[in-house]
Protein backbone atom coordinates (compact mmCIF):
# COMPACT_ATOMS: atom_id res chain seq x y z
CA MET A 1 -136.16 15.18 -70.79
CA THR A 2 -136.89 18.67 -70.25
CA GLU A 3 -134.46 21.51 -70.36
CA SER A 4 -135.34 21.77 -66.52
CA ASP A 5 -134.44 18.48 -65.93
CA GLY A 6 -131.07 18.38 -68.17
CA LYS A 7 -129.61 21.50 -66.23
CA ALA A 8 -130.26 19.85 -63.33
CA ARG A 9 -128.83 16.59 -64.15
CA SER A 10 -125.74 18.35 -66.02
CA LEU A 11 -125.47 20.95 -62.65
CA ALA A 12 -125.30 17.81 -60.30
CA VAL A 13 -123.00 15.75 -63.07
CA LEU A 14 -120.65 18.94 -62.90
CA CYS A 15 -119.98 19.78 -58.96
CA VAL A 16 -119.81 15.72 -58.58
CA ALA A 17 -116.55 16.40 -61.27
CA VAL A 18 -115.06 19.41 -60.01
CA ALA A 19 -115.70 18.80 -55.77
CA LEU A 20 -114.03 14.99 -56.83
CA THR A 21 -111.05 17.05 -59.15
CA LEU A 22 -110.21 18.92 -56.56
CA SER A 23 -109.25 17.35 -53.62
CA VAL A 24 -105.52 17.65 -55.45
CA TRP A 25 -105.59 20.81 -54.28
CA PHE A 26 -105.02 20.61 -50.58
CA ALA A 27 -103.48 16.76 -50.33
CA GLY A 28 -99.58 18.48 -49.40
CA THR A 29 -101.83 20.48 -46.91
CA ALA A 30 -103.33 17.75 -45.38
CA ALA A 31 -100.91 15.61 -45.18
CA VAL A 32 -98.32 17.91 -43.33
CA PRO A 33 -99.40 17.10 -39.64
CA ARG A 34 -98.33 13.28 -40.18
CA LEU A 35 -94.97 14.89 -42.21
CA LEU A 36 -94.44 17.61 -39.30
CA ALA A 37 -95.10 14.58 -36.21
CA ASP A 38 -92.56 12.24 -38.40
CA GLY A 39 -90.11 15.43 -38.26
CA LEU A 40 -89.66 14.81 -42.37
CA VAL A 41 -90.94 17.92 -43.57
CA THR A 42 -89.77 21.89 -41.97
CA PRO A 43 -92.61 24.74 -41.59
CA GLY A 44 -91.14 26.48 -44.00
CA ARG A 45 -90.54 23.63 -46.40
CA ALA A 46 -94.30 22.58 -45.74
CA ALA A 47 -95.82 25.44 -46.59
CA TRP A 48 -93.92 25.13 -50.36
CA LEU A 49 -95.82 22.04 -50.94
CA THR A 50 -99.52 24.29 -50.90
CA ALA A 51 -97.46 27.28 -52.47
CA ALA A 52 -96.41 24.74 -55.53
CA VAL A 53 -99.78 23.89 -56.49
CA GLN A 54 -100.83 27.70 -56.36
CA LEU A 55 -97.76 28.61 -58.65
CA GLY A 56 -98.63 25.60 -61.17
CA PHE A 57 -101.91 26.89 -61.13
CA VAL A 58 -100.76 30.28 -62.08
CA ALA A 59 -98.82 28.90 -65.00
CA GLY A 60 -101.19 27.15 -66.35
CA THR A 61 -103.80 29.78 -66.48
CA LEU A 62 -101.25 32.08 -67.74
CA VAL A 63 -100.99 29.30 -71.03
CA SER A 64 -104.85 28.89 -71.12
CA ALA A 65 -105.67 32.61 -71.68
CA VAL A 66 -102.56 33.25 -74.00
CA LEU A 67 -104.00 30.85 -75.71
CA SER A 68 -107.59 30.97 -75.31
CA LEU A 69 -107.98 27.14 -74.19
CA ALA A 70 -111.00 27.54 -72.46
CA ASP A 71 -113.09 29.28 -75.05
CA ARG A 72 -111.41 27.43 -78.23
CA ARG A 73 -111.16 23.69 -76.99
CA ASP A 74 -114.33 21.37 -76.25
CA PRO A 75 -114.68 22.16 -72.51
CA ARG A 76 -115.42 18.96 -71.50
CA ARG A 77 -112.54 17.20 -72.84
CA LEU A 78 -110.39 19.87 -71.51
CA PHE A 79 -111.76 19.63 -68.39
CA MET A 80 -110.95 15.61 -68.00
CA ALA A 81 -107.56 15.33 -70.17
CA SER A 82 -106.59 18.07 -66.92
CA ALA A 83 -108.43 16.19 -64.12
CA LEU A 84 -106.66 12.99 -65.38
CA VAL A 85 -103.06 14.82 -65.38
CA ALA A 86 -103.85 16.53 -61.75
CA ALA A 87 -104.93 12.21 -60.72
CA ALA A 88 -101.40 11.08 -62.20
CA ALA A 89 -98.89 13.59 -60.53
CA THR A 90 -100.59 13.43 -57.20
CA LEU A 91 -100.44 9.81 -57.50
CA ALA A 92 -97.14 9.74 -57.95
CA GLN A 93 -96.38 11.95 -54.81
CA THR A 94 -96.65 8.70 -52.97
CA LEU A 95 -93.53 7.65 -54.79
CA VAL A 96 -91.05 10.11 -53.91
CA ALA A 97 -89.34 12.17 -50.92
CA PRO A 98 -92.15 13.64 -49.04
CA SER A 99 -90.74 16.84 -49.54
CA GLY A 100 -88.03 16.90 -52.30
CA ALA A 101 -87.48 19.04 -55.42
CA ALA A 102 -89.59 15.91 -57.16
CA ALA A 103 -92.58 16.30 -54.50
CA LEU A 104 -92.98 20.01 -55.21
CA ALA A 105 -92.47 19.72 -59.16
CA LEU A 106 -95.55 16.96 -59.03
CA ARG A 107 -97.70 20.01 -56.76
CA PHE A 108 -96.72 22.06 -59.54
CA VAL A 109 -97.90 20.06 -62.23
CA ALA A 110 -101.36 19.06 -60.44
CA GLY A 111 -101.70 22.88 -59.86
CA ALA A 112 -101.03 23.50 -63.33
CA ALA A 113 -103.76 20.94 -64.59
CA MET A 114 -106.52 22.69 -62.36
CA ALA A 115 -106.53 25.71 -64.80
CA GLY A 116 -107.98 22.89 -67.33
CA VAL A 117 -110.75 22.41 -64.23
CA TYR A 118 -111.81 24.92 -62.51
CA PRO A 119 -112.28 28.01 -65.09
CA VAL A 120 -113.69 25.86 -67.56
CA GLY A 121 -115.63 24.45 -64.85
CA MET A 122 -117.27 27.85 -64.35
CA LYS A 123 -118.07 28.48 -67.98
CA LEU A 124 -120.07 25.40 -68.35
CA ALA A 125 -121.80 26.34 -65.33
CA ALA A 126 -123.06 29.60 -66.91
CA SER A 127 -123.74 27.71 -70.27
CA TRP A 128 -127.07 27.02 -68.24
CA SER A 129 -127.83 30.76 -66.68
CA ARG A 130 -131.26 31.76 -66.82
CA GLY A 131 -130.99 34.97 -64.57
CA ASP A 132 -129.33 32.31 -61.87
CA LEU A 133 -126.05 33.04 -62.47
CA GLY A 134 -124.98 33.96 -58.96
CA VAL A 135 -125.99 30.87 -57.32
CA LEU A 136 -125.19 28.24 -60.49
CA ILE A 137 -121.40 29.52 -59.92
CA GLY A 138 -122.15 29.57 -55.84
CA LEU A 139 -123.07 25.84 -56.28
CA LEU A 140 -119.59 25.22 -58.31
CA VAL A 141 -117.66 27.44 -55.52
CA GLY A 142 -119.62 25.47 -53.28
CA ALA A 143 -118.00 22.22 -55.03
CA LEU A 144 -114.49 23.24 -54.67
CA THR A 145 -115.15 23.93 -51.15
CA LEU A 146 -116.13 20.55 -50.83
CA GLY A 147 -113.46 19.41 -52.71
CA SER A 148 -110.61 21.33 -50.90
CA ALA A 149 -111.89 20.13 -46.98
CA LEU A 150 -111.62 16.30 -48.48
CA PRO A 151 -108.26 15.81 -48.08
CA HIS A 152 -108.39 16.45 -44.60
CA LEU A 153 -110.69 13.66 -44.01
CA ILE A 154 -108.82 11.43 -46.11
CA PRO A 155 -105.97 10.41 -43.66
CA THR A 156 -108.65 9.03 -41.06
CA LEU A 157 -110.35 7.19 -43.61
CA LEU A 158 -107.13 5.71 -45.02
CA GLY A 159 -105.44 4.96 -41.76
CA GLY A 160 -102.40 2.96 -41.25
CA ILE A 161 -100.30 4.40 -44.49
CA GLY A 162 -99.19 7.37 -42.86
CA TRP A 163 -98.47 10.88 -44.58
CA ARG A 164 -99.28 9.22 -48.14
CA ALA A 165 -102.92 8.49 -47.14
CA ALA A 166 -103.88 12.21 -48.65
CA TYR A 167 -102.07 11.56 -51.99
CA LEU A 168 -103.41 8.31 -52.68
CA GLY A 169 -107.18 9.27 -51.42
CA ALA A 170 -106.87 12.74 -53.71
CA GLY A 171 -105.50 10.92 -56.46
CA ILE A 172 -108.50 8.07 -57.20
CA LEU A 173 -110.84 11.23 -56.91
CA ALA A 174 -109.86 13.35 -59.74
CA ALA A 175 -109.42 10.83 -62.11
CA LEU A 176 -113.12 9.57 -60.91
CA GLY A 177 -113.68 13.60 -61.13
CA GLY A 178 -112.49 13.74 -64.92
CA LEU A 179 -113.80 10.70 -66.48
CA THR A 180 -117.84 11.80 -64.23
CA ILE A 181 -117.22 15.38 -66.57
CA LEU A 182 -118.10 13.24 -69.37
CA ALA A 183 -121.40 12.71 -68.56
CA PHE A 184 -121.96 16.72 -68.82
CA ARG A 185 -124.37 18.19 -71.03
CA ALA A 186 -123.55 21.63 -71.72
CA GLY A 187 -126.63 24.31 -71.70
CA PRO A 188 -127.63 26.30 -74.77
CA LEU A 189 -125.49 29.94 -73.78
CA MET A 190 -122.51 28.16 -74.34
CA GLY A 191 -120.66 30.97 -76.73
CA ALA A 192 -119.05 29.83 -80.32
CA ARG A 193 -114.90 29.15 -80.31
CA PRO A 194 -113.86 32.43 -80.99
CA PRO A 195 -110.59 33.43 -83.13
CA PHE A 196 -106.83 32.67 -81.99
CA ARG A 197 -106.62 36.33 -80.31
CA PRO A 198 -104.04 36.70 -77.24
CA SER A 199 -104.69 40.47 -77.02
CA GLN A 200 -107.89 39.84 -75.91
CA MET A 201 -106.74 39.07 -72.27
CA LEU A 202 -106.07 42.71 -71.76
CA GLU A 203 -109.61 42.94 -72.21
CA ALA A 204 -109.31 41.83 -68.31
CA TRP A 205 -107.43 45.19 -67.16
CA ARG A 206 -109.13 47.65 -69.75
CA ASN A 207 -112.69 47.37 -69.04
CA PRO A 208 -112.96 49.78 -65.91
CA GLY A 209 -116.23 47.16 -64.54
CA LEU A 210 -113.74 44.02 -65.24
CA ARG A 211 -111.04 46.18 -63.39
CA LEU A 212 -113.19 46.87 -60.05
CA ALA A 213 -114.29 42.63 -60.05
CA ASN A 214 -110.79 41.65 -60.39
CA ILE A 215 -109.77 44.15 -57.66
CA GLY A 216 -112.46 42.60 -55.65
CA TYR A 217 -110.77 39.13 -56.93
CA LEU A 218 -107.42 39.77 -55.60
CA GLY A 219 -108.78 41.25 -52.07
CA HIS A 220 -110.83 37.75 -51.91
CA MET A 221 -107.68 35.95 -52.61
CA TRP A 222 -105.42 37.95 -50.52
CA GLU A 223 -106.71 35.79 -47.60
CA LEU A 224 -108.89 32.35 -49.15
CA TYR A 225 -106.29 30.20 -49.58
CA ALA A 226 -104.05 31.49 -47.19
CA MET A 227 -106.38 30.86 -44.03
CA TRP A 228 -107.85 27.41 -45.50
CA ALA A 229 -103.47 26.31 -45.46
CA TRP A 230 -102.81 27.68 -41.81
CA ILE A 231 -106.40 27.53 -39.95
CA GLY A 232 -105.64 23.79 -39.48
CA LEU A 233 -102.23 25.08 -37.44
CA PHE A 234 -103.86 27.54 -35.33
CA LEU A 235 -106.42 25.50 -34.39
CA ALA A 236 -103.91 22.48 -33.46
CA MET A 237 -102.18 25.35 -31.46
CA VAL A 238 -105.37 26.50 -29.84
CA LEU A 239 -106.47 23.05 -28.95
CA GLY A 240 -103.07 21.85 -28.11
CA HIS A 241 -103.39 18.57 -30.22
CA ALA A 242 -103.06 17.67 -33.86
CA GLY A 243 -105.97 15.57 -34.42
CA VAL A 244 -108.01 18.47 -35.84
CA GLY A 245 -108.58 17.21 -39.40
CA PRO A 246 -112.32 16.80 -38.52
CA LEU A 247 -112.08 20.30 -37.57
CA VAL A 248 -110.75 21.51 -40.37
CA PHE A 249 -112.82 19.62 -42.89
CA GLY A 250 -116.23 21.73 -40.93
CA VAL A 251 -114.31 24.52 -41.29
CA VAL A 252 -113.55 24.95 -44.88
CA ALA A 253 -116.15 23.36 -45.77
CA ALA A 254 -119.10 25.69 -44.48
CA GLY A 255 -117.81 27.96 -47.02
CA ALA A 256 -120.14 25.56 -49.28
CA ILE A 257 -122.87 26.32 -47.48
CA GLY A 258 -122.26 30.16 -47.55
CA SER A 259 -121.20 29.94 -51.42
CA VAL A 260 -125.02 28.81 -52.50
CA LEU A 261 -126.53 31.08 -49.79
CA ALA A 262 -124.96 34.16 -50.84
CA GLY A 263 -125.41 32.84 -54.84
CA LEU A 264 -129.17 32.89 -53.63
CA VAL A 265 -129.02 36.30 -52.07
CA ALA A 266 -126.81 37.84 -55.30
CA ASP A 267 -129.59 36.46 -58.02
CA ARG A 268 -132.31 38.62 -56.30
CA TRP A 269 -130.12 41.75 -55.31
CA ASN A 270 -126.66 43.28 -56.33
CA ARG A 271 -124.21 40.71 -56.72
CA ALA A 272 -121.47 43.25 -56.25
CA ARG A 273 -123.35 44.42 -52.76
CA VAL A 274 -123.54 40.79 -51.75
CA ALA A 275 -119.73 40.10 -52.60
CA ALA A 276 -118.61 43.19 -50.64
CA GLY A 277 -120.53 42.12 -47.48
CA CYS A 278 -119.11 39.40 -46.75
CA MET A 279 -115.60 40.41 -47.38
CA VAL A 280 -116.59 42.76 -44.44
CA VAL A 281 -118.03 39.67 -42.28
CA SER A 282 -114.70 37.89 -43.31
CA GLY A 283 -112.36 40.32 -43.07
CA CYS A 284 -113.12 41.21 -39.08
CA CYS A 285 -112.66 37.43 -38.17
CA ALA A 286 -109.05 37.68 -39.81
CA LEU A 287 -109.26 40.43 -37.76
CA VAL A 288 -109.73 39.48 -34.54
CA ILE A 289 -109.73 35.29 -34.60
CA GLY A 290 -105.95 35.56 -33.80
CA ALA A 291 -106.66 37.32 -30.26
CA THR A 292 -108.99 34.61 -29.21
CA ALA A 293 -106.48 32.26 -28.84
CA PRO A 294 -107.07 31.75 -24.95
CA TRP A 295 -110.69 30.85 -25.53
CA PRO A 296 -110.60 27.92 -27.51
CA MET A 297 -114.29 27.40 -28.06
CA LEU A 298 -114.70 31.42 -29.18
CA ALA A 299 -111.83 30.41 -31.17
CA LEU A 300 -113.05 27.44 -32.74
CA ALA A 301 -116.97 29.26 -33.11
CA ILE A 302 -115.12 32.33 -34.73
CA ALA A 303 -113.32 29.85 -37.14
CA PHE A 304 -116.43 28.69 -38.42
CA VAL A 305 -118.23 31.59 -39.59
CA TRP A 306 -114.76 32.82 -41.17
CA GLY A 307 -115.13 29.67 -43.32
CA PHE A 308 -118.53 30.69 -44.18
CA ALA A 309 -117.95 34.01 -45.13
CA VAL A 310 -114.52 33.77 -46.89
CA VAL A 311 -115.43 31.93 -49.75
CA ALA A 312 -119.09 32.64 -49.66
CA ASP A 313 -118.39 36.07 -51.95
CA SER A 314 -116.38 34.03 -54.46
CA ALA A 315 -118.59 33.38 -57.32
CA GLN A 316 -120.11 36.75 -57.43
CA PHE A 317 -116.65 37.84 -58.88
CA SER A 318 -116.91 34.98 -61.28
CA ALA A 319 -120.38 36.09 -62.26
CA CYS A 320 -119.48 39.42 -62.49
CA VAL A 321 -116.95 39.12 -65.14
CA VAL A 322 -118.98 36.81 -66.97
CA SER A 323 -121.96 39.43 -67.17
CA LEU A 324 -119.25 41.95 -68.00
CA SER A 325 -117.31 39.70 -70.45
CA PRO A 326 -117.88 39.60 -74.69
CA PRO A 327 -119.81 36.51 -74.70
CA ASP A 328 -116.82 34.24 -76.67
CA TYR A 329 -114.51 35.05 -74.60
CA VAL A 330 -116.10 34.13 -71.60
CA GLY A 331 -113.86 31.26 -70.70
CA THR A 332 -110.49 33.62 -71.18
CA MET A 333 -111.45 36.42 -68.48
CA LEU A 334 -112.47 34.23 -66.35
CA THR A 335 -108.95 32.15 -66.86
CA VAL A 336 -107.18 35.87 -66.47
CA GLN A 337 -109.36 36.60 -63.03
CA THR A 338 -108.11 33.41 -61.53
CA SER A 339 -104.65 33.31 -62.60
CA MET A 340 -103.90 36.84 -60.96
CA GLY A 341 -105.56 35.86 -57.70
CA PHE A 342 -103.82 32.70 -57.33
CA LEU A 343 -100.57 34.26 -57.79
CA LEU A 344 -101.53 36.31 -55.27
CA THR A 345 -102.35 33.45 -53.16
CA ALA A 346 -98.89 31.94 -53.74
CA VAL A 347 -97.45 34.78 -52.05
CA MET A 348 -99.65 35.03 -48.86
CA ILE A 349 -99.00 31.17 -48.09
CA GLY A 350 -95.64 32.19 -48.28
CA VAL A 351 -96.14 35.04 -46.23
CA LEU A 352 -97.85 33.52 -43.03
CA PRO A 353 -95.26 31.10 -42.01
CA TRP A 354 -92.87 33.86 -41.55
CA MET A 355 -95.92 36.33 -39.90
CA MET A 356 -96.61 33.31 -37.79
CA ALA A 357 -93.22 33.11 -36.26
CA THR A 358 -92.31 36.68 -35.66
CA LEU A 359 -95.26 38.34 -34.82
CA GLY A 360 -97.70 35.66 -33.78
CA PHE A 361 -101.07 34.10 -34.85
CA ALA A 362 -103.15 37.47 -34.34
CA ALA A 363 -101.07 39.57 -35.99
CA ALA A 364 -100.45 37.09 -39.22
CA PHE A 365 -104.50 36.49 -39.54
CA ALA A 366 -104.72 40.43 -39.41
CA LEU A 367 -102.89 40.84 -42.11
CA LEU A 368 -105.18 38.67 -44.29
CA GLY A 369 -108.18 41.04 -43.36
CA ILE A 370 -106.74 43.81 -44.99
CA GLY A 371 -107.05 42.37 -48.46
CA PRO A 372 -111.12 41.76 -48.36
CA LEU A 373 -111.94 44.93 -46.48
CA VAL A 374 -110.12 46.71 -49.61
CA GLY A 375 -111.68 44.59 -52.05
CA ALA A 376 -115.24 45.20 -50.17
CA VAL A 377 -114.65 49.02 -51.44
CA ALA A 378 -114.30 47.89 -55.18
CA MET A 379 -116.71 45.84 -55.45
CA TRP A 380 -119.54 48.86 -53.90
CA ARG A 381 -118.02 51.11 -56.41
CA LEU A 382 -119.26 48.16 -58.59
CA ALA A 383 -122.17 47.66 -58.08
CA PRO A 384 -123.76 50.48 -60.04
CA MET A 385 -121.91 49.27 -63.02
CA LEU A 386 -123.87 46.12 -63.24
CA PRO A 387 -126.13 45.16 -65.85
CA ARG A 388 -129.93 44.90 -64.42
CA GLN A 389 -130.33 41.68 -63.43
CA SER A 390 -133.66 39.61 -63.28
CA LEU A 391 -134.90 36.99 -61.38
CA PRO A 392 -134.44 33.40 -62.40
CA ARG A 393 -137.07 31.60 -64.18
């Protein structure tokens, strides 16, 4: 098998494993419409089913960053173990009260386990980079996006078991994803396992280039997960019915296409400027979509554009961090970045329902537009600092 064949096969395995495993992330969000319809959860409590995952991920990434787990452990086995823990926690969700303390604790555990999946997956993808880092991580983000969208389809496919369907389906898929990663073969650029240096995580803020990349990422994360968590509720309100799961899947899954296309462009142009352009489009969608509620088809069209652009830039923040980080600590720098970003997402997911209740959808979604527009400025400033890119070979 040639290196090119091995690369294609390994990346296909990685993308499948990530898509299957990340289905646990929004399993709680996908269960919310049925829980609300059955009177089993309040809107405020429903927000915590998603926020608990974000907080768990933050806790997991902090532990991983301090211990440099992504760089000091076999990444495939770390990925597999993490995916299986997430699967077990998600399946256990079907056995407890849907919004009680146990349910939130299990969502927290599933989120913490994702710290061994997503940042590790980015490091594995980067090990095959040959001038095409943007599209490689773009493929991975596309897989993450599809995985995040999958739970919205599962209740339709597994009808008859109510709110448990999303958890049951996602748990099974995550277990399959964890086993799938064993077929992955690391590329030639996998860094050596470095010594244990907790202070290395501070490099993410000391280095001027990394600092700007992380500011851009925070602007991106200000918007992304809150949009994914609440766009379904907005579309249900606009369209006048709760059966919007397939539409929400389409809106979120559109980001998979955006991630790959942006990655292709970024590998041939300056990736920081590509990210800035995507953020401007996404931020403008956030600013205007709430005002289109009286025109359902226009609102739906903007939702699809927003879904396409809101995650298209995501891979480029990670690619910038990879290119600016010490080679042996790439996994740690990626973990620090995601930890900061997901802590912010937990805040925004919790704040948005309050904003929607007090000020309405238009003002709440407009608030989300602030983050990407600020982040676009940071990425434009970063552009001249990036290493000169070569075309893929």
